[in-house]
Amino acid sequence: MAIVKPFKGVRPPKQYVEAVESRPYDVLDSDEARAEAGDNEKSLYHIIKPEINFPVGTSEYDPKVYVSAAEHFQKFQDKGWLVQDTTDNYYLYAQTMKGKTQYGLVVCAAVADYLNGVIKKHELTRKDKEEDRMKHVRVNDANMEPVFFAYPDDPTLDGIIRKYAARPTEYDFIAPVDGFRHQFWVISDADDIAAITKAFAAMPSLYIADGHHRSAAAALVGAEKQKANPHTTGKEEYNYFMAVCFPASQLTILDYNRVVRDLNGMTESEFLEKLSQNFDVQDTGTAIYHPQQLHEFSLYLGGHWYRLNAKPGTYNDQDPIGVLDVDISSRLILDQLLGIKDLRTDKRIDFVGGLRGLEELKRRVDSGEMKMALALYPVTMQQIMDIADSGKIMPPKATWFEPKLRSGLVIHKLS
């Protein structure tokens, strides 16, 4: 069973929400955060990207940067830009992208569920990134940003979501940069809160869609606090961390594409010939070509687009990893032909989220920065859940979720 609970959210009054809210810390660099914050002293970037509070060039890992995050978190509360609710609530958060709306319930998930595998992962985490987020959680004594969960569709939760979505919103705005609509409601009714808790308790698993490092950091800090308190009861706030949980059927996963700097010493014709050993290769011309189905890829090379269809026997549809196009392309193209062994560290490869479109792949190749581009058919949420259920880990750079959660709509204090 999945344990969730309501919480007293710390959040901006309505008149401040658009000044406070921001993109997540991990989708932009320090320079971008500095530019977006500008002279807005209410911007959450002062807390989640606190290196912007110092001269350009200051390391985001400098100890004083973490201290500054906590100082600004306190300042935001002192100034009334962030205010804690007086009752335990759940919250409903809706995002609308290109006419499609997805509705997520903001809950506190249990640290124990993360540690015992009820909350399931599909990606590996890096220790350095975990430690960075752990320092941020420790110094603020709060989950400043939620993680992104998926859950199997549930009719009871669907009904509650419809009920609140029909009511006036607490927040409703169009975000800068992405241009997507974000809406927010407070769920304070005791019966609805009980029904939400009960519905999640009937679920065998929750699935991390995005935010593996935030999940790990929040859970590990919670475990630290448990260990440090000999009188812990299990009900303390640090035993939980904040998540936005979406029905799996509503989520949009975009393609996550690859661009490569060279052909590993091969000419274009040699590379295409070697590709034909494992793929049916067809030149589709100069117009952008999108993969149409699983096991079909789109290659941009030398001003032309090629359709690549993986030949039977090059993949295993019975294996949750072997069926993935990201696995096929990593094995048979990036590793076998181009000598790229580690997608996380090799400097010859870069990755482009599908929101930028295949035009961005073409631009980067045509500019001479990259030699070739490879577009993949998007992974499905069912594939992610199958992998997580099997206990396996997806290859790196496999999923790109949009829209991203906005930060600053609600915060969870650990004490």
Protein backbone atom coordinates (compact mmCIF):
# COMPACT_ATOMS: atom_id res chain seq x y z
CA MET A 1 0.00 0.00 0.00
CA ALA A 2 1.13 3.52 -0.73
CA ILE A 3 1.11 5.82 2.27
CA VAL A 4 0.30 9.48 1.64
CA LYS A 5 -0.83 12.24 3.95
CA PRO A 6 -1.98 15.87 3.78
CA PHE A 7 0.27 18.66 5.03
CA LYS A 8 0.34 22.34 5.97
CA GLY A 9 1.76 23.78 2.78
CA VAL A 10 3.95 26.87 2.73
CA ARG A 11 2.90 28.90 -0.28
CA PRO A 12 2.57 32.40 -1.69
CA PRO A 13 -0.55 34.51 -1.20
CA LYS A 14 -2.43 34.88 -4.48
CA GLN A 15 -1.05 38.34 -5.23
CA TYR A 16 2.54 37.07 -5.05
CA VAL A 17 2.37 33.70 -6.80
CA GLU A 18 3.52 34.89 -10.22
CA ALA A 19 6.43 36.79 -8.69
CA VAL A 20 7.50 33.78 -6.59
CA GLU A 21 6.99 30.81 -8.90
CA SER A 22 9.84 29.53 -11.08
CA ARG A 23 11.06 26.72 -13.25
CA PRO A 24 12.62 23.72 -11.43
CA TYR A 25 16.24 24.12 -10.30
CA ASP A 26 17.57 21.44 -12.66
CA VAL A 27 16.23 22.66 -16.01
CA LEU A 28 18.30 25.83 -16.23
CA ASP A 29 21.82 26.95 -15.41
CA SER A 30 22.98 29.72 -13.10
CA ASP A 31 23.14 32.36 -15.84
CA GLU A 32 19.61 31.58 -16.99
CA ALA A 33 18.31 31.71 -13.40
CA ARG A 34 20.07 35.02 -12.82
CA ALA A 35 18.51 36.47 -15.99
CA GLU A 36 15.01 35.17 -15.21
CA ALA A 37 15.13 36.45 -11.63
CA GLY A 38 16.37 39.87 -12.77
CA ASP A 39 15.60 42.44 -10.10
CA ASN A 40 12.67 40.40 -8.71
CA GLU A 41 13.54 39.86 -5.05
CA LYS A 42 10.52 37.55 -4.65
CA SER A 43 11.76 35.01 -7.22
CA LEU A 44 12.14 31.50 -5.83
CA TYR A 45 15.46 31.29 -7.68
CA HIS A 46 16.96 33.13 -4.69
CA ILE A 47 16.23 29.93 -2.72
CA ILE A 48 16.54 27.09 -5.25
CA LYS A 49 19.40 28.62 -7.30
CA PRO A 50 20.99 30.65 -4.49
CA GLU A 51 24.31 31.10 -6.31
CA ILE A 52 22.55 34.00 -8.07
CA ASN A 53 22.77 35.89 -4.76
CA PHE A 54 26.56 36.10 -5.25
CA PRO A 55 28.86 37.43 -7.97
CA VAL A 56 28.89 35.64 -11.33
CA GLY A 57 31.21 32.64 -11.17
CA THR A 58 30.38 31.66 -7.59
CA SER A 59 30.09 27.88 -7.40
CA GLU A 60 26.60 26.56 -6.76
CA TYR A 61 28.25 24.10 -4.35
CA ASP A 62 29.98 26.74 -2.21
CA PRO A 63 28.88 26.27 1.45
CA LYS A 64 27.83 29.92 1.69
CA VAL A 65 25.43 29.37 -1.21
CA TYR A 66 23.44 26.79 0.78
CA VAL A 67 23.38 29.14 3.79
CA SER A 68 22.03 31.88 1.55
CA ALA A 69 19.18 29.59 0.46
CA ALA A 70 18.06 29.19 4.08
CA GLU A 71 18.40 32.91 4.76
CA HIS A 72 16.22 33.74 1.79
CA PHE A 73 13.65 31.09 2.72
CA GLN A 74 13.33 32.75 6.12
CA LYS A 75 13.20 36.19 4.51
CA PHE A 76 10.36 35.12 2.21
CA GLN A 77 8.38 34.00 5.27
CA ASP A 78 9.19 37.12 7.28
CA LYS A 79 8.07 39.32 4.38
CA GLY A 80 4.83 37.36 3.90
CA TRP A 81 5.75 36.21 0.41
CA LEU A 82 5.40 32.62 1.66
CA VAL A 83 2.80 31.75 4.32
CA GLN A 84 2.08 28.38 5.93
CA ASP A 85 -1.48 27.04 5.83
CA THR A 86 -3.02 26.48 9.24
CA THR A 87 -4.62 23.12 8.39
CA ASP A 88 -3.41 19.93 6.74
CA ASN A 89 -4.49 19.88 3.11
CA TYR A 90 -4.03 18.06 -0.11
CA TYR A 91 -3.72 20.25 -3.21
CA LEU A 92 -4.71 19.87 -6.85
CA TYR A 93 -2.33 21.13 -9.53
CA ALA A 94 -3.27 21.30 -13.23
CA GLN A 95 -0.98 21.97 -16.18
CA THR A 96 -2.23 22.73 -19.68
CA MET A 97 0.09 22.31 -22.68
CA LYS A 98 -1.11 22.68 -26.26
CA GLY A 99 -4.73 22.21 -25.25
CA LYS A 100 -4.15 19.12 -23.10
CA THR A 101 -4.58 19.34 -19.30
CA GLN A 102 -3.16 16.93 -16.73
CA TYR A 103 -4.22 16.99 -13.07
CA GLY A 104 -1.91 16.06 -10.22
CA LEU A 105 -2.61 15.64 -6.52
CA VAL A 106 0.00 17.25 -4.27
CA VAL A 107 0.63 14.93 -1.33
CA CYS A 108 3.26 13.97 1.19
CA ALA A 109 4.64 10.52 0.32
CA ALA A 110 6.29 8.28 2.87
CA VAL A 111 10.07 8.01 3.19
CA ALA A 112 9.51 4.38 4.18
CA ASP A 113 7.77 3.70 0.86
CA TYR A 114 10.80 5.01 -1.03
CA LEU A 115 13.18 2.89 1.03
CA ASN A 116 11.11 -0.32 0.81
CA GLY A 117 10.34 -0.06 -2.92
CA VAL A 118 6.64 0.84 -2.86
CA ILE A 119 7.76 4.02 -4.62
CA LYS A 120 9.43 2.61 -7.70
CA LYS A 121 12.37 4.03 -9.64
CA HIS A 122 13.40 3.58 -13.27
CA GLU A 123 16.64 5.62 -13.34
CA LEU A 124 19.98 5.53 -11.55
CA THR A 125 21.00 8.52 -9.47
CA ARG A 126 24.42 10.12 -9.09
CA LYS A 127 25.85 10.50 -5.59
CA ASP A 128 27.13 14.03 -6.21
CA LYS A 129 23.69 15.22 -7.30
CA GLU A 130 22.05 13.42 -4.38
CA GLU A 131 24.40 15.10 -1.92
CA ASP A 132 23.75 18.54 -3.42
CA ARG A 133 19.99 18.15 -2.97
CA MET A 134 20.46 16.64 0.51
CA LYS A 135 22.41 19.73 1.58
CA HIS A 136 19.63 21.91 0.23
CA VAL A 137 16.94 19.94 2.11
CA ARG A 138 18.99 19.95 5.33
CA VAL A 139 19.76 23.66 5.37
CA ASN A 140 16.17 24.67 4.60
CA ASP A 141 14.57 21.89 6.66
CA ALA A 142 12.05 21.66 3.85
CA ASN A 143 11.22 20.11 0.49
CA MET A 144 11.34 23.27 -1.60
CA GLU A 145 10.29 21.54 -4.82
CA PRO A 146 8.02 18.54 -5.37
CA VAL A 147 8.91 15.37 -7.18
CA PHE A 148 6.79 14.06 -10.04
CA PHE A 149 4.95 10.73 -9.51
CA ALA A 150 2.59 8.67 -11.61
CA TYR A 151 -0.09 6.34 -10.27
CA PRO A 152 -2.42 3.80 -11.90
CA ASP A 153 -5.67 5.53 -12.87
CA ASP A 154 -8.24 5.43 -10.08
CA PRO A 155 -11.97 6.26 -10.43
CA THR A 156 -12.30 7.63 -6.89
CA LEU A 157 -9.44 10.07 -7.39
CA ASP A 158 -10.78 10.96 -10.86
CA GLY A 159 -14.06 11.98 -9.25
CA ILE A 160 -12.40 14.15 -6.61
CA ILE A 161 -10.22 15.81 -9.26
CA ARG A 162 -13.28 16.61 -11.41
CA LYS A 163 -15.06 18.06 -8.38
CA TYR A 164 -12.28 20.51 -7.53
CA ALA A 165 -11.38 21.34 -11.13
CA ALA A 166 -14.91 22.70 -11.53
CA ARG A 167 -14.40 25.15 -8.66
CA PRO A 168 -12.71 28.57 -8.67
CA THR A 169 -8.93 28.30 -8.58
CA GLU A 170 -6.52 29.42 -5.88
CA TYR A 171 -3.90 30.19 -8.55
CA ASP A 172 -4.29 30.47 -12.33
CA PHE A 173 -1.52 31.87 -14.54
CA ILE A 174 0.38 31.46 -17.78
CA ALA A 175 4.05 30.85 -17.02
CA PRO A 176 6.76 32.81 -18.78
CA VAL A 177 9.24 30.90 -20.94
CA ASP A 178 7.11 27.78 -21.47
CA GLY A 179 3.82 29.62 -22.02
CA PHE A 180 1.81 26.82 -20.35
CA ARG A 181 -1.15 27.34 -18.04
CA HIS A 182 -0.84 26.38 -14.38
CA GLN A 183 -3.81 26.11 -11.99
CA PHE A 184 -3.98 25.23 -8.31
CA TRP A 185 -6.70 24.36 -5.79
CA VAL A 186 -6.68 23.65 -2.03
CA ILE A 187 -8.39 20.42 -0.89
CA SER A 188 -9.34 20.98 2.75
CA ASP A 189 -12.59 19.00 3.12
CA ALA A 190 -12.07 16.23 5.69
CA ASP A 191 -14.10 13.65 3.75
CA ASP A 192 -12.22 14.30 0.52
CA ILE A 193 -8.89 14.14 2.36
CA ALA A 194 -9.86 10.77 3.86
CA ALA A 195 -10.98 9.46 0.46
CA ILE A 196 -7.68 10.47 -1.17
CA THR A 197 -5.65 8.82 1.59
CA LYS A 198 -7.73 5.64 1.32
CA ALA A 199 -7.47 5.49 -2.48
CA PHE A 200 -3.68 5.71 -2.41
CA ALA A 201 -3.55 3.10 0.38
CA ALA A 202 -5.15 0.63 -2.04
CA MET A 203 -2.35 1.11 -4.61
CA PRO A 204 0.54 -1.37 -4.51
CA SER A 205 2.99 1.12 -6.05
CA LEU A 206 3.71 4.70 -7.03
CA TYR A 207 6.15 5.50 -9.82
CA ILE A 208 8.76 8.26 -10.01
CA ALA A 209 8.27 9.92 -13.38
CA ASP A 210 10.70 12.80 -12.91
CA GLY A 211 12.84 13.93 -9.98
CA HIS A 212 14.86 10.85 -9.03
CA HIS A 213 17.56 12.93 -7.32
CA ARG A 214 15.05 14.99 -5.36
CA SER A 215 13.28 11.79 -4.27
CA ALA A 216 16.51 10.16 -3.13
CA ALA A 217 17.68 13.28 -1.30
CA ALA A 218 14.37 13.79 0.48
CA ALA A 219 14.18 10.16 1.56
CA LEU A 220 17.79 10.01 2.74
CA VAL A 221 17.46 13.19 4.79
CA GLY A 222 14.26 11.83 6.30
CA ALA A 223 16.08 8.61 7.21
CA GLU A 224 18.90 10.66 8.78
CA LYS A 225 16.42 12.55 10.95
CA GLN A 226 14.75 9.31 12.02
CA LYS A 227 18.10 7.89 13.09
CA ALA A 228 19.04 11.05 14.98
CA ASN A 229 15.79 11.07 16.98
CA PRO A 230 15.57 8.16 19.44
CA HIS A 231 11.97 9.11 20.21
CA THR A 232 10.73 9.20 16.62
CA THR A 233 7.12 8.05 16.23
CA GLY A 234 6.99 7.80 12.45
CA LYS A 235 4.44 10.60 12.25
CA GLU A 236 6.93 13.49 12.15
CA GLU A 237 6.93 15.58 8.98
CA TYR A 238 10.47 14.48 8.12
CA ASN A 239 9.09 10.99 7.56
CA TYR A 240 7.41 12.34 4.41
CA PHE A 241 8.34 14.30 1.30
CA MET A 242 6.31 16.30 -1.19
CA ALA A 243 5.18 14.86 -4.52
CA VAL A 244 2.71 15.72 -7.25
CA CYS A 245 0.95 12.51 -8.33
CA PHE A 246 -0.63 12.28 -11.79
CA PRO A 247 -2.78 9.52 -13.29
CA ALA A 248 -0.48 7.60 -15.62
CA SER A 249 -2.84 7.91 -18.59
CA GLN A 250 -2.66 11.73 -18.52
CA LEU A 251 1.11 12.10 -18.74
CA THR A 252 2.90 13.27 -21.85
CA ILE A 253 6.33 11.82 -22.54
CA LEU A 254 8.20 13.44 -25.40
CA ASP A 255 11.03 12.01 -27.47
CA TYR A 256 14.54 12.49 -26.07
CA ASN A 257 16.89 12.73 -29.03
CA ARG A 258 20.63 12.49 -29.64
CA VAL A 259 23.19 14.57 -31.55
CA VAL A 260 26.74 13.28 -32.14
CA ARG A 261 29.90 15.20 -33.06
CA ASP A 262 31.58 12.68 -35.40
CA LEU A 263 31.19 9.33 -37.14
CA ASN A 264 34.06 7.61 -35.34
CA GLY A 265 36.37 7.85 -38.35
CA MET A 266 33.83 6.67 -40.93
CA THR A 267 32.61 8.50 -44.01
CA GLU A 268 28.88 9.10 -44.34
CA SER A 269 28.53 6.31 -46.90
CA GLU A 270 30.50 3.87 -44.72
CA PHE A 271 28.32 4.73 -41.72
CA LEU A 272 25.10 4.20 -43.69
CA GLU A 273 26.40 0.89 -45.02
CA LYS A 274 27.21 -0.35 -41.52
CA LEU A 275 23.79 0.81 -40.30
CA SER A 276 22.15 -1.41 -42.92
CA GLN A 277 23.42 -4.51 -41.11
CA ASN A 278 20.85 -4.02 -38.34
CA PHE A 279 18.42 -1.52 -39.84
CA ASP A 280 16.42 -1.10 -43.02
CA VAL A 281 17.67 2.33 -44.18
CA GLN A 282 15.59 4.57 -46.45
CA ASP A 283 16.52 8.09 -47.61
CA THR A 284 13.37 10.21 -47.12
CA GLY A 285 14.85 13.41 -48.56
CA THR A 286 15.46 16.85 -47.11
CA ALA A 287 12.10 17.34 -45.33
CA ILE A 288 12.12 16.63 -41.59
CA TYR A 289 11.01 13.07 -40.88
CA HIS A 290 9.51 12.01 -37.54
CA PRO A 291 9.61 8.38 -36.37
CA GLN A 292 6.10 6.96 -36.69
CA GLN A 293 6.21 3.87 -34.49
CA LEU A 294 8.20 1.77 -32.05
CA HIS A 295 11.54 0.51 -33.43
CA GLU A 296 11.62 3.22 -36.09
CA PHE A 297 14.26 5.95 -35.91
CA SER A 298 14.97 9.13 -37.80
CA LEU A 299 18.56 9.95 -38.78
CA TYR A 300 19.73 13.35 -40.03
CA LEU A 301 23.06 13.24 -41.84
CA GLY A 302 24.57 15.26 -44.67
CA GLY A 303 21.46 17.36 -45.22
CA HIS A 304 19.18 14.32 -45.64
CA TRP A 305 16.75 12.50 -43.35
CA TYR A 306 16.73 8.71 -43.22
CA ARG A 307 14.14 6.32 -41.85
CA LEU A 308 15.74 3.47 -39.90
CA ASN A 309 13.68 0.40 -39.02
CA ALA A 310 15.30 -2.05 -36.65
CA LYS A 311 15.42 -5.51 -38.19
CA PRO A 312 13.76 -8.47 -36.41
CA GLY A 313 16.15 -10.13 -34.01
CA THR A 314 17.86 -6.88 -32.99
CA TYR A 315 15.45 -6.37 -30.07
CA ASN A 316 13.46 -8.43 -27.59
CA ASP A 317 9.80 -7.42 -27.20
CA GLN A 318 9.49 -9.78 -24.21
CA ASP A 319 12.13 -7.92 -22.20
CA PRO A 320 11.12 -4.55 -20.65
CA ILE A 321 14.58 -3.14 -21.41
CA GLY A 322 15.30 -4.98 -24.66
CA VAL A 323 12.11 -3.63 -26.24
CA LEU A 324 13.16 0.00 -25.74
CA ASP A 325 14.29 2.03 -28.72
CA VAL A 326 16.75 3.85 -26.47
CA ASP A 327 18.37 0.46 -25.77
CA ILE A 328 18.41 -0.54 -29.46
CA SER A 329 20.01 2.73 -30.54
CA SER A 330 22.50 2.73 -27.67
CA ARG A 331 23.68 -0.81 -28.42
CA LEU A 332 23.63 -0.94 -32.19
CA ILE A 333 24.43 2.64 -33.20
CA LEU A 334 26.05 4.63 -30.42
CA ASP A 335 28.14 1.83 -28.90
CA GLN A 336 28.76 -0.65 -31.73
CA LEU A 337 29.30 1.85 -34.56
CA LEU A 338 30.27 5.13 -32.92
CA GLY A 339 32.18 3.86 -29.88
CA ILE A 340 30.09 5.83 -27.36
CA LYS A 341 30.05 3.59 -24.30
CA ASP A 342 28.76 5.87 -21.54
CA LEU A 343 25.98 8.28 -22.43
CA ARG A 344 26.42 10.15 -19.15
CA THR A 345 30.07 11.09 -19.57
CA ASP A 346 31.03 10.94 -23.27
CA LYS A 347 31.56 14.49 -24.58
CA ARG A 348 30.91 13.44 -28.20
CA ILE A 349 27.17 13.16 -27.60
CA ASP A 350 24.48 15.57 -26.44
CA PHE A 351 20.74 15.26 -25.87
CA VAL A 352 17.80 17.35 -27.04
CA GLY A 353 14.37 17.22 -25.39
CA GLY A 354 11.45 16.74 -27.77
CA LEU A 355 9.85 20.05 -26.87
CA ARG A 356 12.51 21.72 -29.04
CA GLY A 357 11.40 19.72 -32.07
CA LEU A 358 13.45 18.02 -34.76
CA GLU A 359 14.22 21.47 -36.18
CA GLU A 360 16.71 21.83 -33.33
CA LEU A 361 18.44 18.59 -34.39
CA LYS A 362 18.72 19.88 -37.95
CA ARG A 363 20.04 23.25 -36.76
CA ARG A 364 22.81 21.72 -34.67
CA VAL A 365 23.98 19.48 -37.50
CA ASP A 366 23.72 22.16 -40.20
CA SER A 367 25.72 24.56 -38.03
CA GLY A 368 28.67 22.15 -38.10
CA GLU A 369 28.58 21.69 -34.32
CA MET A 370 27.36 18.11 -34.73
CA LYS A 371 27.79 15.56 -37.50
CA MET A 372 24.55 13.59 -37.14
CA ALA A 373 21.29 13.50 -35.22
CA LEU A 374 19.11 10.60 -34.17
CA ALA A 375 15.44 10.99 -33.27
CA LEU A 376 13.63 8.31 -31.26
CA TYR A 377 9.98 7.36 -30.90
CA PRO A 378 8.84 8.38 -27.37
CA VAL A 379 8.89 5.92 -24.50
CA THR A 380 5.42 5.17 -23.08
CA MET A 381 4.35 5.44 -19.46
CA GLN A 382 3.42 1.75 -19.56
CA GLN A 383 7.00 0.89 -20.55
CA ILE A 384 8.32 2.93 -17.63
CA MET A 385 5.96 1.19 -15.21
CA ASP A 386 6.85 -2.25 -16.60
CA ILE A 387 10.56 -1.54 -16.10
CA ALA A 388 10.03 -0.21 -12.59
CA ASP A 389 7.88 -3.26 -11.71
CA SER A 390 10.59 -5.58 -13.00
CA GLY A 391 13.18 -3.91 -10.79
CA LYS A 392 15.29 -2.94 -13.78
CA ILE A 393 16.75 0.46 -14.66
CA MET A 394 16.22 2.33 -17.92
CA PRO A 395 19.18 3.39 -20.03
CA PRO A 396 20.16 7.02 -19.38
CA LYS A 397 18.50 9.94 -21.15
CA ALA A 398 15.42 7.91 -22.07
CA THR A 399 12.48 10.08 -20.98
CA TRP A 400 11.50 13.73 -21.29
CA PHE A 401 8.33 14.78 -19.48
CA GLU A 402 6.49 17.98 -20.35
CA PRO A 403 5.23 20.23 -18.99
CA LYS A 404 7.66 20.56 -16.11
CA LEU A 405 6.28 21.28 -12.64
CA ARG A 406 6.54 24.92 -11.61
CA SER A 407 8.28 25.42 -8.28
CA GLY A 408 7.11 27.73 -5.52
CA LEU A 409 3.38 26.92 -5.61
CA VAL A 410 3.70 24.95 -2.38
CA ILE A 411 6.55 23.90 -0.06
CA HIS A 412 6.68 21.20 2.62
CA LYS A 413 8.43 21.91 5.94
CA LEU A 414 10.07 18.98 7.69
CA SER A 415 9.40 20.27 11.19
